Amino acid sequence: MNAFKAYKACTPIAWSPNLYITLVRGIPGTRRLHRRTLEALRLGKCNRTVMRWNTPTVRGMLQQVKRLVVIETEEMFKARKQKDANHRALRPPLVISHLPAPDCSS
């Protein structure tokens, strides 16, 4: 189990005021009830994230489609977004010179 899954397993979802829900599996081929639940959650396409209040109603909807979505708390969502931003940050260009090295034996 990687660190993210271990952290996710020990984070109490019930204590978080907001839940960030990301659709990670495709909708085609799912049951009509699951499609309607995803529609009610406003999840129409893969890799889209929505924020919902942590209420018993929303948790019940998530229980129905738990194999299609990933549920994160606010801290987990912000940490993931920060990691992505750091990964995509601009880096200085790598300059490679293919010219022969200057002779420094003088």
N, C-alpha and C. Protein backbone atom coordinates (compact mmCIF):
# COMPACT_ATOMS: atom_id res chain seq x y z
N MET A 1 0.86 -1.18 0.00
CA MET A 1 0.00 0.00 0.00
C MET A 1 0.90 1.24 0.00
N ASN A 2 0.65 2.14 -0.95
CA ASN A 2 1.49 3.33 -0.99
C ASN A 2 1.08 4.33 0.08
N ALA A 3 1.85 5.39 0.21
CA ALA A 3 1.64 6.34 1.31
C ALA A 3 0.30 7.06 1.18
N PHE A 4 -0.11 7.37 -0.05
CA PHE A 4 -1.37 8.08 -0.24
C PHE A 4 -2.55 7.24 0.22
N LYS A 5 -2.53 5.94 -0.17
CA LYS A 5 -3.62 5.07 0.25
C LYS A 5 -3.61 4.86 1.76
N ALA A 6 -2.43 4.78 2.35
CA ALA A 6 -2.35 4.62 3.80
C ALA A 6 -2.89 5.85 4.51
N TYR A 7 -2.56 7.04 3.97
CA TYR A 7 -3.07 8.27 4.57
C TYR A 7 -4.58 8.35 4.41
N LYS A 8 -5.05 7.94 3.23
CA LYS A 8 -6.47 7.98 2.94
C LYS A 8 -7.24 7.03 3.86
N ALA A 9 -6.64 5.90 4.17
CA ALA A 9 -7.31 4.91 4.99
C ALA A 9 -7.46 5.38 6.43
N CYS A 10 -6.51 6.20 6.93
CA CYS A 10 -6.56 6.61 8.33
C CYS A 10 -7.24 7.97 8.53
N THR A 11 -7.59 8.67 7.47
CA THR A 11 -8.23 9.97 7.61
C THR A 11 -9.73 9.78 7.82
N PRO A 12 -10.25 10.32 8.91
CA PRO A 12 -11.69 10.16 9.16
C PRO A 12 -12.50 11.09 8.27
N ILE A 13 -13.17 10.52 7.27
CA ILE A 13 -13.96 11.30 6.34
C ILE A 13 -15.12 11.97 7.07
N ALA A 14 -15.65 11.32 8.10
CA ALA A 14 -16.82 11.85 8.79
C ALA A 14 -16.53 13.18 9.48
N TRP A 15 -15.26 13.47 9.80
CA TRP A 15 -14.94 14.70 10.51
C TRP A 15 -14.70 15.88 9.58
N SER A 16 -14.57 15.64 8.32
CA SER A 16 -14.26 16.71 7.39
C SER A 16 -15.55 17.42 6.98
N PRO A 17 -15.57 18.78 6.98
CA PRO A 17 -16.81 19.49 6.60
C PRO A 17 -17.11 19.41 5.11
N ASN A 18 -16.07 19.32 4.28
CA ASN A 18 -16.25 19.26 2.83
C ASN A 18 -15.57 18.02 2.28
N LEU A 19 -16.16 17.46 1.24
CA LEU A 19 -15.58 16.31 0.56
C LEU A 19 -15.29 16.70 -0.89
N TYR A 20 -14.14 16.31 -1.38
CA TYR A 20 -13.78 16.51 -2.78
C TYR A 20 -13.90 15.17 -3.46
N ILE A 21 -14.77 15.09 -4.46
CA ILE A 21 -15.10 13.83 -5.11
C ILE A 21 -14.60 13.89 -6.54
N THR A 22 -13.80 12.91 -6.95
CA THR A 22 -13.26 12.85 -8.30
C THR A 22 -13.73 11.57 -8.96
N LEU A 23 -14.28 11.70 -10.15
CA LEU A 23 -14.70 10.53 -10.93
C LEU A 23 -13.48 9.95 -11.62
N VAL A 24 -13.14 8.70 -11.30
CA VAL A 24 -11.93 8.09 -11.85
C VAL A 24 -12.23 6.93 -12.78
N ARG A 25 -13.45 6.43 -12.79
CA ARG A 25 -13.82 5.35 -13.70
C ARG A 25 -14.85 5.88 -14.68
N GLY A 26 -14.91 5.28 -15.85
CA GLY A 26 -15.81 5.74 -16.88
C GLY A 26 -17.27 5.43 -16.59
N ILE A 27 -18.16 6.22 -17.16
CA ILE A 27 -19.59 6.06 -16.95
C ILE A 27 -20.18 4.98 -17.86
N PRO A 28 -19.73 4.82 -19.11
CA PRO A 28 -20.36 3.80 -19.97
C PRO A 28 -20.24 2.40 -19.36
N GLY A 29 -21.33 1.67 -19.43
CA GLY A 29 -21.34 0.31 -18.90
C GLY A 29 -21.76 0.22 -17.46
N THR A 30 -22.07 1.35 -16.81
CA THR A 30 -22.50 1.31 -15.42
C THR A 30 -24.02 1.21 -15.36
N ARG A 31 -24.53 0.91 -14.20
CA ARG A 31 -25.97 0.79 -14.02
C ARG A 31 -26.63 2.17 -14.12
N ARG A 32 -27.89 2.16 -14.48
CA ARG A 32 -28.63 3.42 -14.63
C ARG A 32 -28.69 4.16 -13.30
N LEU A 33 -28.86 3.44 -12.19
CA LEU A 33 -28.92 4.06 -10.87
C LEU A 33 -27.61 4.77 -10.55
N HIS A 34 -26.48 4.15 -10.93
CA HIS A 34 -25.18 4.77 -10.69
C HIS A 34 -25.00 6.00 -11.56
N ARG A 35 -25.45 5.92 -12.81
CA ARG A 35 -25.36 7.09 -13.70
C ARG A 35 -26.18 8.25 -13.16
N ARG A 36 -27.37 7.96 -12.66
CA ARG A 36 -28.21 9.01 -12.10
C ARG A 36 -27.59 9.60 -10.84
N THR A 37 -26.95 8.77 -10.03
CA THR A 37 -26.28 9.27 -8.83
C THR A 37 -25.13 10.18 -9.21
N LEU A 38 -24.33 9.79 -10.21
CA LEU A 38 -23.22 10.65 -10.65
C LEU A 38 -23.75 11.95 -11.24
N GLU A 39 -24.88 11.88 -11.93
CA GLU A 39 -25.50 13.09 -12.47
C GLU A 39 -25.94 14.02 -11.34
N ALA A 40 -26.49 13.45 -10.26
CA ALA A 40 -26.90 14.25 -9.11
C ALA A 40 -25.71 14.88 -8.40
N LEU A 41 -24.56 14.19 -8.44
CA LEU A 41 -23.34 14.73 -7.85
C LEU A 41 -22.64 15.71 -8.79
N ARG A 42 -23.17 15.90 -10.01
CA ARG A 42 -22.60 16.79 -11.03
C ARG A 42 -21.24 16.30 -11.53
N LEU A 43 -21.10 14.97 -11.63
CA LEU A 43 -19.88 14.37 -12.16
C LEU A 43 -20.23 13.81 -13.53
N GLY A 44 -19.83 14.51 -14.60
CA GLY A 44 -20.19 14.10 -15.94
C GLY A 44 -19.06 13.45 -16.71
N LYS A 45 -17.82 13.81 -16.40
CA LYS A 45 -16.68 13.29 -17.16
C LYS A 45 -15.62 12.77 -16.19
N CYS A 46 -14.77 11.91 -16.73
CA CYS A 46 -13.68 11.35 -15.93
C CYS A 46 -12.70 12.44 -15.50
N ASN A 47 -12.09 12.24 -14.36
CA ASN A 47 -11.07 13.13 -13.79
C ASN A 47 -11.61 14.52 -13.49
N ARG A 48 -12.91 14.66 -13.30
CA ARG A 48 -13.49 15.92 -12.86
C ARG A 48 -13.72 15.83 -11.35
N THR A 49 -13.48 16.95 -10.67
CA THR A 49 -13.61 16.99 -9.22
C THR A 49 -14.68 17.99 -8.83
N VAL A 50 -15.51 17.62 -7.88
CA VAL A 50 -16.52 18.52 -7.33
C VAL A 50 -16.38 18.53 -5.81
N MET A 51 -16.80 19.65 -5.20
CA MET A 51 -16.78 19.77 -3.75
C MET A 51 -18.21 19.70 -3.25
N ARG A 52 -18.47 18.84 -2.29
CA ARG A 52 -19.80 18.71 -1.71
C ARG A 52 -19.68 18.75 -0.19
N TRP A 53 -20.74 19.23 0.46
CA TRP A 53 -20.78 19.20 1.92
C TRP A 53 -20.84 17.77 2.39
N ASN A 54 -20.26 17.53 3.54
CA ASN A 54 -20.24 16.19 4.12
C ASN A 54 -21.54 15.97 4.90
N THR A 55 -22.56 15.52 4.21
CA THR A 55 -23.85 15.23 4.83
C THR A 55 -24.16 13.75 4.67
N PRO A 56 -25.06 13.22 5.49
CA PRO A 56 -25.42 11.80 5.34
C PRO A 56 -25.98 11.47 3.96
N THR A 57 -26.68 12.43 3.34
CA THR A 57 -27.22 12.20 2.01
C THR A 57 -26.11 11.99 0.99
N VAL A 58 -25.12 12.87 1.02
CA VAL A 58 -23.99 12.77 0.07
C VAL A 58 -23.19 11.51 0.35
N ARG A 59 -22.97 11.19 1.63
CA ARG A 59 -22.22 9.97 1.95
C ARG A 59 -22.95 8.72 1.46
N GLY A 60 -24.29 8.72 1.52
CA GLY A 60 -25.05 7.60 0.99
C GLY A 60 -24.92 7.48 -0.51
N MET A 61 -24.91 8.64 -1.21
CA MET A 61 -24.72 8.61 -2.66
C MET A 61 -23.33 8.09 -3.00
N LEU A 62 -22.34 8.50 -2.22
CA LEU A 62 -20.98 8.04 -2.48
C LEU A 62 -20.82 6.55 -2.18
N GLN A 63 -21.57 6.06 -1.23
CA GLN A 63 -21.53 4.63 -0.93
C GLN A 63 -21.99 3.82 -2.14
N GLN A 64 -22.96 4.36 -2.88
CA GLN A 64 -23.47 3.66 -4.07
C GLN A 64 -22.42 3.59 -5.17
N VAL A 65 -21.67 4.66 -5.36
CA VAL A 65 -20.74 4.74 -6.50
C VAL A 65 -19.28 4.72 -6.03
N LYS A 66 -19.01 4.07 -4.92
CA LYS A 66 -17.67 4.12 -4.33
C LYS A 66 -16.60 3.50 -5.22
N ARG A 67 -16.97 2.60 -6.12
CA ARG A 67 -15.95 2.01 -6.99
C ARG A 67 -15.64 2.89 -8.20
N LEU A 68 -16.43 3.93 -8.40
CA LEU A 68 -16.22 4.82 -9.54
C LEU A 68 -15.52 6.12 -9.16
N VAL A 69 -15.47 6.45 -7.88
CA VAL A 69 -14.98 7.76 -7.45
C VAL A 69 -13.87 7.62 -6.42
N VAL A 70 -13.13 8.72 -6.24
CA VAL A 70 -12.16 8.86 -5.16
C VAL A 70 -12.64 10.00 -4.28
N ILE A 71 -12.67 9.78 -2.97
CA ILE A 71 -13.16 10.77 -2.03
C ILE A 71 -11.97 11.29 -1.23
N GLU A 72 -11.84 12.62 -1.18
CA GLU A 72 -10.73 13.24 -0.45
C GLU A 72 -11.26 14.31 0.48
N THR A 73 -10.52 14.55 1.57
CA THR A 73 -10.82 15.69 2.43
C THR A 73 -10.16 16.93 1.84
N GLU A 74 -10.42 18.07 2.44
CA GLU A 74 -9.86 19.31 1.92
C GLU A 74 -8.33 19.32 1.98
N GLU A 75 -7.78 18.79 3.08
CA GLU A 75 -6.32 18.76 3.23
C GLU A 75 -5.68 17.86 2.19
N MET A 76 -6.30 16.71 1.95
CA MET A 76 -5.76 15.77 0.97
C MET A 76 -5.82 16.38 -0.44
N PHE A 77 -6.93 17.05 -0.76
CA PHE A 77 -7.10 17.65 -2.07
C PHE A 77 -6.06 18.75 -2.30
N LYS A 78 -5.87 19.62 -1.30
CA LYS A 78 -4.89 20.70 -1.44
C LYS A 78 -3.48 20.17 -1.55
N ALA A 79 -3.16 19.11 -0.80
CA ALA A 79 -1.83 18.51 -0.88
C ALA A 79 -1.59 17.92 -2.26
N ARG A 80 -2.61 17.27 -2.83
CA ARG A 80 -2.45 16.70 -4.17
C ARG A 80 -2.29 17.78 -5.22
N LYS A 81 -3.07 18.86 -5.10
CA LYS A 81 -2.95 19.96 -6.06
C LYS A 81 -1.59 20.65 -5.95
N GLN A 82 -1.07 20.81 -4.72
CA GLN A 82 0.25 21.42 -4.54
C GLN A 82 1.33 20.54 -5.13
N LYS A 83 1.21 19.24 -4.97
CA LYS A 83 2.18 18.31 -5.54
C LYS A 83 2.17 18.39 -7.06
N ASP A 84 0.97 18.47 -7.65
CA ASP A 84 0.86 18.61 -9.11
C ASP A 84 1.46 19.92 -9.58
N ALA A 85 1.21 21.00 -8.83
CA ALA A 85 1.75 22.31 -9.21
C ALA A 85 3.27 22.31 -9.15
N ASN A 86 3.83 21.68 -8.13
CA ASN A 86 5.29 21.60 -8.02
C ASN A 86 5.87 20.76 -9.16
N HIS A 87 5.16 19.73 -9.56
CA HIS A 87 5.65 18.88 -10.64
C HIS A 87 5.63 19.62 -11.97
N ARG A 88 4.63 20.48 -12.17
CA ARG A 88 4.50 21.20 -13.42
C ARG A 88 5.24 22.54 -13.44
N ALA A 89 5.91 22.87 -12.35
CA ALA A 89 6.59 24.17 -12.26
C ALA A 89 7.68 24.26 -13.32
N LEU A 90 7.94 25.49 -13.75
CA LEU A 90 8.97 25.71 -14.76
C LEU A 90 10.34 25.40 -14.19
N ARG A 91 11.13 24.73 -14.96
CA ARG A 91 12.49 24.40 -14.55
C ARG A 91 13.45 25.10 -15.49
N PRO A 92 14.66 25.40 -15.04
CA PRO A 92 15.62 26.02 -15.95
C PRO A 92 15.95 25.06 -17.09
N PRO A 93 16.19 25.60 -18.29
CA PRO A 93 16.47 24.72 -19.42
C PRO A 93 17.79 23.99 -19.26
N LEU A 94 17.83 22.79 -19.77
CA LEU A 94 19.04 21.99 -19.75
C LEU A 94 19.83 22.32 -21.02
N VAL A 95 21.03 22.89 -20.85
CA VAL A 95 21.84 23.31 -21.99
C VAL A 95 22.95 22.29 -22.18
N ILE A 96 22.98 21.70 -23.36
CA ILE A 96 24.02 20.72 -23.68
C ILE A 96 24.83 21.27 -24.84
N SER A 97 26.13 21.33 -24.65
CA SER A 97 27.01 21.82 -25.70
C SER A 97 27.68 20.62 -26.37
N HIS A 98 27.55 20.54 -27.69
CA HIS A 98 28.15 19.44 -28.43
C HIS A 98 29.48 19.85 -29.06
N LEU A 99 29.94 21.02 -28.74
CA LEU A 99 31.24 21.47 -29.23
C LEU A 99 32.33 20.82 -28.42
N PRO A 100 33.50 20.62 -29.03
CA PRO A 100 34.60 20.04 -28.25
C PRO A 100 35.01 20.97 -27.11
N ALA A 101 35.41 20.39 -26.03
CA ALA A 101 35.82 21.19 -24.87
C ALA A 101 37.06 22.00 -25.19
N PRO A 102 37.13 23.25 -24.70
CA PRO A 102 38.32 24.08 -24.97
C PRO A 102 39.54 23.50 -24.26
N ASP A 103 40.69 23.63 -24.91
CA ASP A 103 41.94 23.10 -24.38
C ASP A 103 42.46 24.06 -23.31
N CYS A 104 42.59 23.57 -22.09
CA CYS A 104 43.02 24.41 -20.97
C CYS A 104 44.43 24.07 -20.53
N SER A 105 45.30 23.58 -21.40
CA SER A 105 46.65 23.18 -21.02
C SER A 105 47.68 24.29 -21.26
N SER A 106 47.31 25.52 -21.34
CA SER A 106 48.28 26.59 -21.61
C SER A 106 48.87 27.17 -20.37
